[in-house]
Structures are given as structure tokens and as C-alpha cells.
N, C-alpha and C. Protein backbone atom coordinates (compact mmCIF):
# COMPACT_ATOMS: atom_id res chain seq x y z
N MET A 1 89.73 91.28 108.85
CA MET A 1 90.00 92.69 109.07
C MET A 1 89.30 93.11 110.36
N SER A 2 89.99 93.92 111.12
CA SER A 2 89.41 94.42 112.37
C SER A 2 89.35 95.94 112.32
N ILE A 3 88.81 96.52 113.36
CA ILE A 3 88.64 97.97 113.44
C ILE A 3 89.36 98.49 114.68
N TYR A 4 90.09 99.57 114.52
CA TYR A 4 90.71 100.27 115.65
C TYR A 4 90.04 101.63 115.75
N THR A 5 89.61 101.99 116.94
CA THR A 5 89.00 103.30 117.17
C THR A 5 90.05 104.20 117.81
N THR A 6 90.29 105.32 117.17
CA THR A 6 91.37 106.21 117.59
C THR A 6 91.07 106.90 118.93
N VAL A 7 92.14 107.28 119.58
CA VAL A 7 92.08 108.16 120.75
C VAL A 7 92.73 109.48 120.32
N GLN A 8 92.40 110.55 121.00
CA GLN A 8 92.93 111.87 120.65
C GLN A 8 94.45 111.83 120.58
N GLY A 9 94.99 112.31 119.47
CA GLY A 9 96.44 112.39 119.31
C GLY A 9 97.07 111.22 118.58
N ASP A 10 96.31 110.20 118.24
CA ASP A 10 96.87 109.07 117.47
C ASP A 10 97.42 109.57 116.14
N THR A 11 98.50 108.95 115.70
CA THR A 11 99.08 109.19 114.38
C THR A 11 99.20 107.84 113.68
N TRP A 12 99.47 107.86 112.38
CA TRP A 12 99.56 106.60 111.63
C TRP A 12 100.61 105.67 112.23
N ASP A 13 101.77 106.19 112.56
CA ASP A 13 102.82 105.31 113.09
C ASP A 13 102.47 104.79 114.48
N LEU A 14 101.81 105.59 115.28
CA LEU A 14 101.39 105.15 116.61
C LEU A 14 100.31 104.06 116.52
N ILE A 15 99.38 104.23 115.60
CA ILE A 15 98.34 103.22 115.41
C ILE A 15 98.96 101.91 114.96
N SER A 16 99.90 101.99 114.00
CA SER A 16 100.59 100.79 113.54
C SER A 16 101.29 100.09 114.70
N TYR A 17 101.95 100.86 115.54
CA TYR A 17 102.63 100.28 116.70
C TYR A 17 101.65 99.64 117.67
N LYS A 18 100.51 100.29 117.89
CA LYS A 18 99.51 99.76 118.83
C LYS A 18 98.89 98.45 118.33
N VAL A 19 98.59 98.37 117.03
CA VAL A 19 97.88 97.19 116.53
C VAL A 19 98.79 96.08 116.03
N TYR A 20 100.00 96.43 115.57
CA TYR A 20 100.91 95.42 115.02
C TYR A 20 102.17 95.22 115.85
N GLY A 21 102.44 96.11 116.80
CA GLY A 21 103.64 95.99 117.60
C GLY A 21 104.87 96.60 116.96
N THR A 22 104.70 97.23 115.81
CA THR A 22 105.78 97.91 115.09
C THR A 22 105.18 99.02 114.24
N SER A 23 105.97 100.04 114.00
CA SER A 23 105.46 101.14 113.18
C SER A 23 105.72 100.93 111.69
N LYS A 24 106.30 99.80 111.31
CA LYS A 24 106.67 99.59 109.91
C LYS A 24 105.50 99.29 108.97
N HIS A 25 104.29 99.13 109.51
CA HIS A 25 103.14 98.80 108.67
C HIS A 25 102.22 100.00 108.42
N ILE A 26 102.80 101.18 108.49
CA ILE A 26 102.03 102.41 108.23
C ILE A 26 101.40 102.36 106.83
N GLY A 27 102.17 101.96 105.85
CA GLY A 27 101.69 101.91 104.46
C GLY A 27 100.47 101.02 104.30
N LEU A 28 100.48 99.88 104.96
CA LEU A 28 99.35 98.96 104.89
C LEU A 28 98.09 99.59 105.48
N LEU A 29 98.25 100.26 106.61
CA LEU A 29 97.11 100.95 107.22
C LEU A 29 96.58 102.06 106.32
N MET A 30 97.48 102.82 105.74
CA MET A 30 97.08 103.93 104.88
C MET A 30 96.38 103.43 103.62
N GLN A 31 96.86 102.34 103.05
CA GLN A 31 96.22 101.76 101.86
C GLN A 31 94.81 101.29 102.16
N SER A 32 94.58 100.83 103.37
CA SER A 32 93.27 100.32 103.76
C SER A 32 92.31 101.41 104.21
N ASN A 33 92.82 102.63 104.36
CA ASN A 33 92.00 103.74 104.84
C ASN A 33 92.26 104.97 103.98
N TYR A 34 92.12 104.79 102.68
CA TYR A 34 92.42 105.83 101.71
C TYR A 34 91.68 107.14 101.99
N ASN A 35 90.47 107.03 102.49
CA ASN A 35 89.66 108.23 102.76
C ASN A 35 90.20 109.06 103.91
N LEU A 36 91.17 108.55 104.67
CA LEU A 36 91.72 109.27 105.82
C LEU A 36 93.15 109.76 105.60
N LEU A 37 93.64 109.68 104.38
CA LEU A 37 95.03 110.00 104.11
C LEU A 37 95.39 111.46 104.41
N ASP A 38 94.43 112.34 104.41
CA ASP A 38 94.73 113.74 104.69
C ASP A 38 94.81 114.04 106.19
N THR A 39 94.64 113.01 107.02
CA THR A 39 94.71 113.18 108.47
C THR A 39 96.09 112.75 108.97
N PHE A 40 96.73 113.64 109.73
CA PHE A 40 98.04 113.33 110.30
C PHE A 40 97.94 113.03 111.78
N ILE A 41 97.11 113.79 112.49
CA ILE A 41 96.86 113.56 113.91
C ILE A 41 95.35 113.39 114.06
N PHE A 42 94.96 112.23 114.58
CA PHE A 42 93.55 111.88 114.65
C PHE A 42 92.89 112.43 115.91
N SER A 43 91.61 112.74 115.78
CA SER A 43 90.80 113.03 116.95
C SER A 43 90.24 111.71 117.45
N ALA A 44 89.61 111.72 118.60
CA ALA A 44 89.07 110.49 119.19
C ALA A 44 87.85 110.02 118.41
N GLY A 45 87.70 108.69 118.33
CA GLY A 45 86.49 108.09 117.79
C GLY A 45 86.48 107.80 116.30
N ILE A 46 87.59 107.95 115.62
CA ILE A 46 87.68 107.63 114.19
C ILE A 46 87.95 106.13 114.05
N GLU A 47 87.17 105.47 113.20
CA GLU A 47 87.36 104.03 113.00
C GLU A 47 88.34 103.79 111.87
N ILE A 48 89.37 103.03 112.17
CA ILE A 48 90.44 102.68 111.21
C ILE A 48 90.33 101.19 110.90
N MET A 49 90.29 100.88 109.61
CA MET A 49 90.28 99.48 109.18
C MET A 49 91.69 98.92 109.35
N VAL A 50 91.81 97.78 110.02
CA VAL A 50 93.11 97.17 110.30
C VAL A 50 93.15 95.79 109.63
N PRO A 51 93.83 95.68 108.49
CA PRO A 51 93.92 94.39 107.81
C PRO A 51 94.84 93.43 108.57
N GLU A 52 94.57 92.15 108.39
CA GLU A 52 95.43 91.12 108.98
C GLU A 52 96.74 91.09 108.20
N LEU A 53 97.82 90.80 108.89
CA LEU A 53 99.12 90.70 108.25
C LEU A 53 99.31 89.31 107.67
N THR A 54 99.97 89.24 106.52
CA THR A 54 100.33 87.95 105.96
C THR A 54 101.59 87.47 106.68
N GLU A 55 101.93 86.22 106.51
CA GLU A 55 103.13 85.67 107.14
C GLU A 55 104.37 86.44 106.68
N GLU A 56 104.40 86.81 105.41
CA GLU A 56 105.53 87.55 104.86
C GLU A 56 105.67 88.92 105.55
N GLU A 57 104.56 89.57 105.85
CA GLU A 57 104.60 90.89 106.47
C GLU A 57 104.99 90.83 107.95
N THR A 58 104.76 89.70 108.59
CA THR A 58 105.08 89.58 110.01
C THR A 58 106.53 89.15 110.23
N ASP A 59 107.19 88.75 109.19
CA ASP A 59 108.59 88.34 109.28
C ASP A 59 109.47 89.52 109.65
N GLU A 60 110.13 89.45 110.77
CA GLU A 60 110.99 90.52 111.23
C GLU A 60 112.41 90.40 110.68
N LEU A 61 112.90 89.18 110.55
CA LEU A 61 114.27 88.97 110.11
C LEU A 61 114.33 88.70 108.62
N PRO A 62 115.32 89.20 107.93
CA PRO A 62 115.50 88.83 106.52
C PRO A 62 115.86 87.34 106.41
N ASP A 63 115.59 86.74 105.27
CA ASP A 63 115.83 85.31 105.08
C ASP A 63 117.26 84.90 105.41
N TRP A 64 118.23 85.74 105.07
CA TRP A 64 119.62 85.37 105.28
C TRP A 64 120.00 85.32 106.76
N ARG A 65 119.16 85.88 107.65
CA ARG A 65 119.47 85.88 109.09
C ARG A 65 118.76 84.78 109.85
N LYS A 66 117.94 83.98 109.18
CA LYS A 66 117.19 82.92 109.85
C LYS A 66 118.01 81.66 109.99
């Protein structure tokens, strides 16, 4: 697990895009940072726990398209 420190104006989807390259992992970030769920737009300097993705979560294509 790593830590991402927010910049002013970060949102959950933007953080997901910055750390994972896609905004589809918002749920994973939110689950790992339950204490911050009431925040929609972050101020600078908030530390966000960033869990590592499993191989299944990094798969972009469905099985039938491989």
C-alpha cells in the first residue's frame, strides 16, 4: 500500500486516474479511506491510502476479448 498526498481540488475520480491511470477504481480508494468518505473535493495535503491492484483489477479487457 502506498500513500498519495492530495493537491487542492483533487476528487476521488481524479485521484484514481492519477494513481491507477483510470478512474474506474474509485470504489477501491473509498473503501481504503473510509474516514474520508464525506469529502468530495480535497484540500491540499490530505494523505490517501492507495492499495495495490490485483491482477484481476488491472485487467482492462473482458475475458471474451482476449
